[in-house]
């Protein structure tokens, strides 16, 4: 994994301190690992939507699932519309601390800003766990 801004790759708390101010609800360490496992399974099943443009298009077209957004995206304007879009379409979402971790979780060498994970039979148990955990995260509204 690539360390972001001189932070050790496994230092979760340091990565959390580098997140943008709107990165709420931020997934705790344990949930983050579950999310990355589901993302890896989804990537292998070839049903993943990645990137801001692709995720926004899929959400607008009514694709169901949940969205994971990286919390260290700069400039902030690139992803600032996604939480509102997700709430409008009633799609659960959460933030993870680093783009590099999100990219690595889906098997990409390139950091990834956001992904949409649709429901699929290959990973439905992990999917249900993640949806439940994301909905239990404290909302900012």
C-alpha atoms as a PDB file:
ATOM      1  CA  UNK A   1       0.000   0.000   0.000  1.00  0.00           C
ATOM      2  CA  UNK A   2       1.073   3.543  -0.592  1.00  0.00           C
ATOM      3  CA  UNK A   3       1.397   5.695   2.499  1.00  0.00           C
ATOM      4  CA  UNK A   4      -0.481   8.980   2.231  1.00  0.00           C
ATOM      5  CA  UNK A   5       1.305  12.163   3.334  1.00  0.00           C
ATOM      6  CA  UNK A   6       4.127  10.352   5.142  1.00  0.00           C
ATOM      7  CA  UNK A   7       1.844   8.201   7.320  1.00  0.00           C
ATOM      8  CA  UNK A   8       2.601   4.548   8.013  1.00  0.00           C
ATOM      9  CA  UNK A   9       0.307   2.253   5.981  1.00  0.00           C
ATOM     10  CA  UNK A  10      -1.212   0.576   9.054  1.00  0.00           C
ATOM     11  CA  UNK A  11      -1.632   3.662  11.270  1.00  0.00           C
ATOM     12  CA  UNK A  12      -5.428   4.019  11.224  1.00  0.00           C
ATOM     13  CA  UNK A  13      -5.610   6.860  13.769  1.00  0.00           C
ATOM     14  CA  UNK A  14      -3.079   8.957  11.849  1.00  0.00           C
ATOM     15  CA  UNK A  15      -5.036   8.432   8.628  1.00  0.00           C
ATOM     16  CA  UNK A  16      -8.233   9.475  10.406  1.00  0.00           C
ATOM     17  CA  UNK A  17      -6.600  12.729  11.468  1.00  0.00           C
ATOM     18  CA  UNK A  18      -5.899  13.543   7.792  1.00  0.00           C
ATOM     19  CA  UNK A  19      -9.502  13.182   6.629  1.00  0.00           C
ATOM     20  CA  UNK A  20     -11.581  16.042   5.263  1.00  0.00           C
ATOM     21  CA  UNK A  21     -14.068  17.828   7.566  1.00  0.00           C
ATOM     22  CA  UNK A  22     -17.166  16.369   5.864  1.00  0.00           C
ATOM     23  CA  UNK A  23     -15.967  12.755   6.255  1.00  0.00           C
ATOM     24  CA  UNK A  24     -18.780  11.672   8.555  1.00  0.00           C
ATOM     25  CA  UNK A  25     -19.846   8.960   9.287  1.00  0.00           C
ATOM     26  CA  UNK A  26     -16.297   7.599   9.308  1.00  0.00           C
ATOM     27  CA  UNK A  27     -16.103   3.808   9.526  1.00  0.00           C
ATOM     28  CA  UNK A  28     -14.317   2.489  12.624  1.00  0.00           C
ATOM     29  CA  UNK A  29     -11.302   0.226  12.122  1.00  0.00           C
ATOM     30  CA  UNK A  30     -13.263  -3.046  12.414  1.00  0.00           C
ATOM     31  CA  UNK A  31     -15.998  -1.951  10.013  1.00  0.00           C
ATOM     32  CA  UNK A  32     -13.372  -0.626   7.616  1.00  0.00           C
ATOM     33  CA  UNK A  33     -11.811  -4.084   7.374  1.00  0.00           C
ATOM     34  CA  UNK A  34     -15.238  -5.648   6.704  1.00  0.00           C
ATOM     35  CA  UNK A  35     -15.945  -3.055   4.024  1.00  0.00           C
ATOM     36  CA  UNK A  36     -12.628  -3.761   2.326  1.00  0.00           C
ATOM     37  CA  UNK A  37     -13.343  -7.525   2.340  1.00  0.00           C
ATOM     38  CA  UNK A  38     -16.739  -6.974   0.711  1.00  0.00           C
ATOM     39  CA  UNK A  39     -15.140  -4.609  -1.805  1.00  0.00           C
ATOM     40  CA  UNK A  40     -12.595  -7.285  -2.703  1.00  0.00           C
ATOM     41  CA  UNK A  41     -15.343  -9.899  -3.162  1.00  0.00           C
ATOM     42  CA  UNK A  42     -17.355  -7.467  -5.271  1.00  0.00           C
ATOM     43  CA  UNK A  43     -14.321  -6.672  -7.395  1.00  0.00           C
ATOM     44  CA  UNK A  44     -13.771 -10.391  -8.075  1.00  0.00           C
ATOM     45  CA  UNK A  45     -17.455 -10.748  -9.034  1.00  0.00           C
ATOM     46  CA  UNK A  46     -17.003  -7.892 -11.564  1.00  0.00           C
ATOM     47  CA  UNK A  47     -20.035  -5.911 -10.354  1.00  0.00           C
ATOM     48  CA  UNK A  48     -18.244  -2.981  -8.717  1.00  0.00           C
ATOM     49  CA  UNK A  49     -18.780   0.675  -9.651  1.00  0.00           C
ATOM     50  CA  UNK A  50     -15.682   2.772  -9.019  1.00  0.00           C
ATOM     51  CA  UNK A  51     -14.892   6.433  -9.397  1.00  0.00           C
ATOM     52  CA  UNK A  52     -16.972   9.507  -8.651  1.00  0.00           C
ATOM     53  CA  UNK A  53     -18.478   9.791 -12.129  1.00  0.00           C
ATOM     54  CA  UNK A  54     -19.462   6.124 -12.416  1.00  0.00           C
ATOM     55  CA  UNK A  55     -20.876   5.938  -8.877  1.00  0.00           C
ATOM     56  CA  UNK A  56     -22.924   9.137  -9.288  1.00  0.00           C
ATOM     57  CA  UNK A  57     -24.320   7.867 -12.609  1.00  0.00           C
ATOM     58  CA  UNK A  58     -25.234   4.482 -11.107  1.00  0.00           C
ATOM     59  CA  UNK A  59     -26.954   6.091  -8.115  1.00  0.00           C
ATOM     60  CA  UNK A  60     -28.950   8.447 -10.346  1.00  0.00           C
ATOM     61  CA  UNK A  61     -30.053   5.516 -12.508  1.00  0.00           C
ATOM     62  CA  UNK A  62     -31.408   3.752  -9.410  1.00  0.00           C
ATOM     63  CA  UNK A  63     -28.775   1.082  -8.792  1.00  0.00           C
ATOM     64  CA  UNK A  64     -29.053  -0.198  -5.216  1.00  0.00           C
ATOM     65  CA  UNK A  65     -26.226  -1.056  -2.844  1.00  0.00           C
ATOM     66  CA  UNK A  66     -24.008   0.967  -0.551  1.00  0.00           C
ATOM     67  CA  UNK A  67     -21.322   3.556  -1.206  1.00  0.00           C
ATOM     68  CA  UNK A  68     -17.860   3.807   0.331  1.00  0.00           C
ATOM     69  CA  UNK A  69     -16.172   7.191   0.013  1.00  0.00           C
ATOM     70  CA  UNK A  70     -12.510   7.942   0.745  1.00  0.00           C
ATOM     71  CA  UNK A  71     -12.032  10.586   3.430  1.00  0.00           C
ATOM     72  CA  UNK A  72      -8.788  12.102   2.142  1.00  0.00           C
ATOM     73  CA  UNK A  73      -9.916  13.325  -1.278  1.00  0.00           C
ATOM     74  CA  UNK A  74      -8.586  16.711  -2.300  1.00  0.00           C
ATOM     75  CA  UNK A  75     -10.107  19.040  -3.429  1.00  0.00           C
ATOM     76  CA  UNK A  76     -13.204  18.397  -1.354  1.00  0.00           C
ATOM     77  CA  UNK A  77     -15.508  19.585  -4.168  1.00  0.00           C
ATOM     78  CA  UNK A  78     -14.853  16.381  -6.102  1.00  0.00           C
ATOM     79  CA  UNK A  79     -16.942  14.262  -3.708  1.00  0.00           C
ATOM     80  CA  UNK A  80     -19.009  16.824  -1.787  1.00  0.00           C
ATOM     81  CA  UNK A  81     -22.178  16.044  -3.786  1.00  0.00           C
ATOM     82  CA  UNK A  82     -22.104  12.266  -3.184  1.00  0.00           C
ATOM     83  CA  UNK A  83     -23.459  12.153   0.406  1.00  0.00           C
ATOM     84  CA  UNK A  84     -26.415  14.340  -0.599  1.00  0.00           C
ATOM     85  CA  UNK A  85     -27.062  12.187  -3.654  1.00  0.00           C
ATOM     86  CA  UNK A  86     -26.936   9.014  -1.544  1.00  0.00           C
ATOM     87  CA  UNK A  87     -29.350  10.435   1.029  1.00  0.00           C
ATOM     88  CA  UNK A  88     -31.714  11.564  -1.708  1.00  0.00           C
ATOM     89  CA  UNK A  89     -31.865   8.034  -3.140  1.00  0.00           C
ATOM     90  CA  UNK A  90     -31.806   6.379   0.327  1.00  0.00           C
ATOM     91  CA  UNK A  91     -28.507   4.590  -0.275  1.00  0.00           C
ATOM     92  CA  UNK A  92     -26.330   3.904   2.793  1.00  0.00           C
ATOM     93  CA  UNK A  93     -22.843   5.379   2.660  1.00  0.00           C
ATOM     94  CA  UNK A  94     -19.799   5.816   4.863  1.00  0.00           C
ATOM     95  CA  UNK A  95     -16.274   7.115   4.673  1.00  0.00           C
ATOM     96  CA  UNK A  96     -12.979   5.286   5.066  1.00  0.00           C
ATOM     97  CA  UNK A  97      -9.793   7.200   5.917  1.00  0.00           C
ATOM     98  CA  UNK A  98      -7.649   6.718   2.803  1.00  0.00           C
ATOM     99  CA  UNK A  99      -8.034   6.503  -0.987  1.00  0.00           C
ATOM    100  CA  UNK A 100      -4.987   4.285  -1.231  1.00  0.00           C
ATOM    101  CA  UNK A 101      -6.578   1.685   1.067  1.00  0.00           C
ATOM    102  CA  UNK A 102      -9.794   1.748  -0.942  1.00  0.00           C
ATOM    103  CA  UNK A 103      -7.875   1.243  -4.188  1.00  0.00           C
ATOM    104  CA  UNK A 104      -5.813  -1.573  -2.701  1.00  0.00           C
ATOM    105  CA  UNK A 105      -8.960  -3.303  -1.400  1.00  0.00           C
ATOM    106  CA  UNK A 106     -10.399  -3.614  -4.905  1.00  0.00           C
ATOM    107  CA  UNK A 107      -7.110  -4.838  -6.343  1.00  0.00           C
ATOM    108  CA  UNK A 108      -6.113  -1.626  -8.083  1.00  0.00           C
ATOM    109  CA  UNK A 109      -2.702   0.029  -8.060  1.00  0.00           C
ATOM    110  CA  UNK A 110      -4.428   3.394  -8.391  1.00  0.00           C
ATOM    111  CA  UNK A 111      -6.083   5.052  -5.369  1.00  0.00           C
ATOM    112  CA  UNK A 112      -9.866   5.186  -5.645  1.00  0.00           C
ATOM    113  CA  UNK A 113     -12.118   8.000  -4.369  1.00  0.00           C
ATOM    114  CA  UNK A 114     -15.412   6.154  -4.148  1.00  0.00           C
ATOM    115  CA  UNK A 115     -17.037   2.809  -4.905  1.00  0.00           C
ATOM    116  CA  UNK A 116     -20.582   1.473  -5.070  1.00  0.00           C
ATOM    117  CA  UNK A 117     -21.108  -2.107  -3.953  1.00  0.00           C
ATOM    118  CA  UNK A 118     -24.352  -3.614  -5.309  1.00  0.00           C
ATOM    119  CA  UNK A 119     -26.060  -6.643  -3.790  1.00  0.00           C
ATOM    120  CA  UNK A 120     -24.857  -9.963  -5.170  1.00  0.00           C
ATOM    121  CA  UNK A 121     -25.351 -13.623  -4.240  1.00  0.00           C
ATOM    122  CA  UNK A 122     -21.597 -14.306  -4.067  1.00  0.00           C
ATOM    123  CA  UNK A 123     -21.081 -12.163  -0.962  1.00  0.00           C
ATOM    124  CA  UNK A 124     -24.600 -11.625   0.410  1.00  0.00           C
ATOM    125  CA  UNK A 125     -23.766 -12.471   4.066  1.00  0.00           C
ATOM    126  CA  UNK A 126     -20.891  -9.973   4.241  1.00  0.00           C
ATOM    127  CA  UNK A 127     -23.045  -7.464   2.364  1.00  0.00           C
ATOM    128  CA  UNK A 128     -25.882  -7.699   4.908  1.00  0.00           C
ATOM    129  CA  UNK A 129     -23.434  -7.290   7.811  1.00  0.00           C
ATOM    130  CA  UNK A 130     -21.950  -4.171   6.256  1.00  0.00           C
ATOM    131  CA  UNK A 131     -25.345  -2.604   5.459  1.00  0.00           C
ATOM    132  CA  UNK A 132     -26.476  -3.176   9.048  1.00  0.00           C
ATOM    133  CA  UNK A 133     -23.251  -1.727  10.488  1.00  0.00           C
ATOM    134  CA  UNK A 134     -23.366   1.340   8.209  1.00  0.00           C
ATOM    135  CA  UNK A 135     -26.963   2.065   9.209  1.00  0.00           C
ATOM    136  CA  UNK A 136     -25.967   1.856  12.897  1.00  0.00           C
ATOM    137  CA  UNK A 137     -23.239   4.493  12.494  1.00  0.00           C
ATOM    138  CA  UNK A 138     -24.135   7.831  14.097  1.00  0.00           C
ATOM    139  CA  UNK A 139     -25.684  10.207  11.578  1.00  0.00           C
ATOM    140  CA  UNK A 140     -24.631  13.830  11.435  1.00  0.00           C
ATOM    141  CA  UNK A 141     -28.214  14.993  10.804  1.00  0.00           C
END
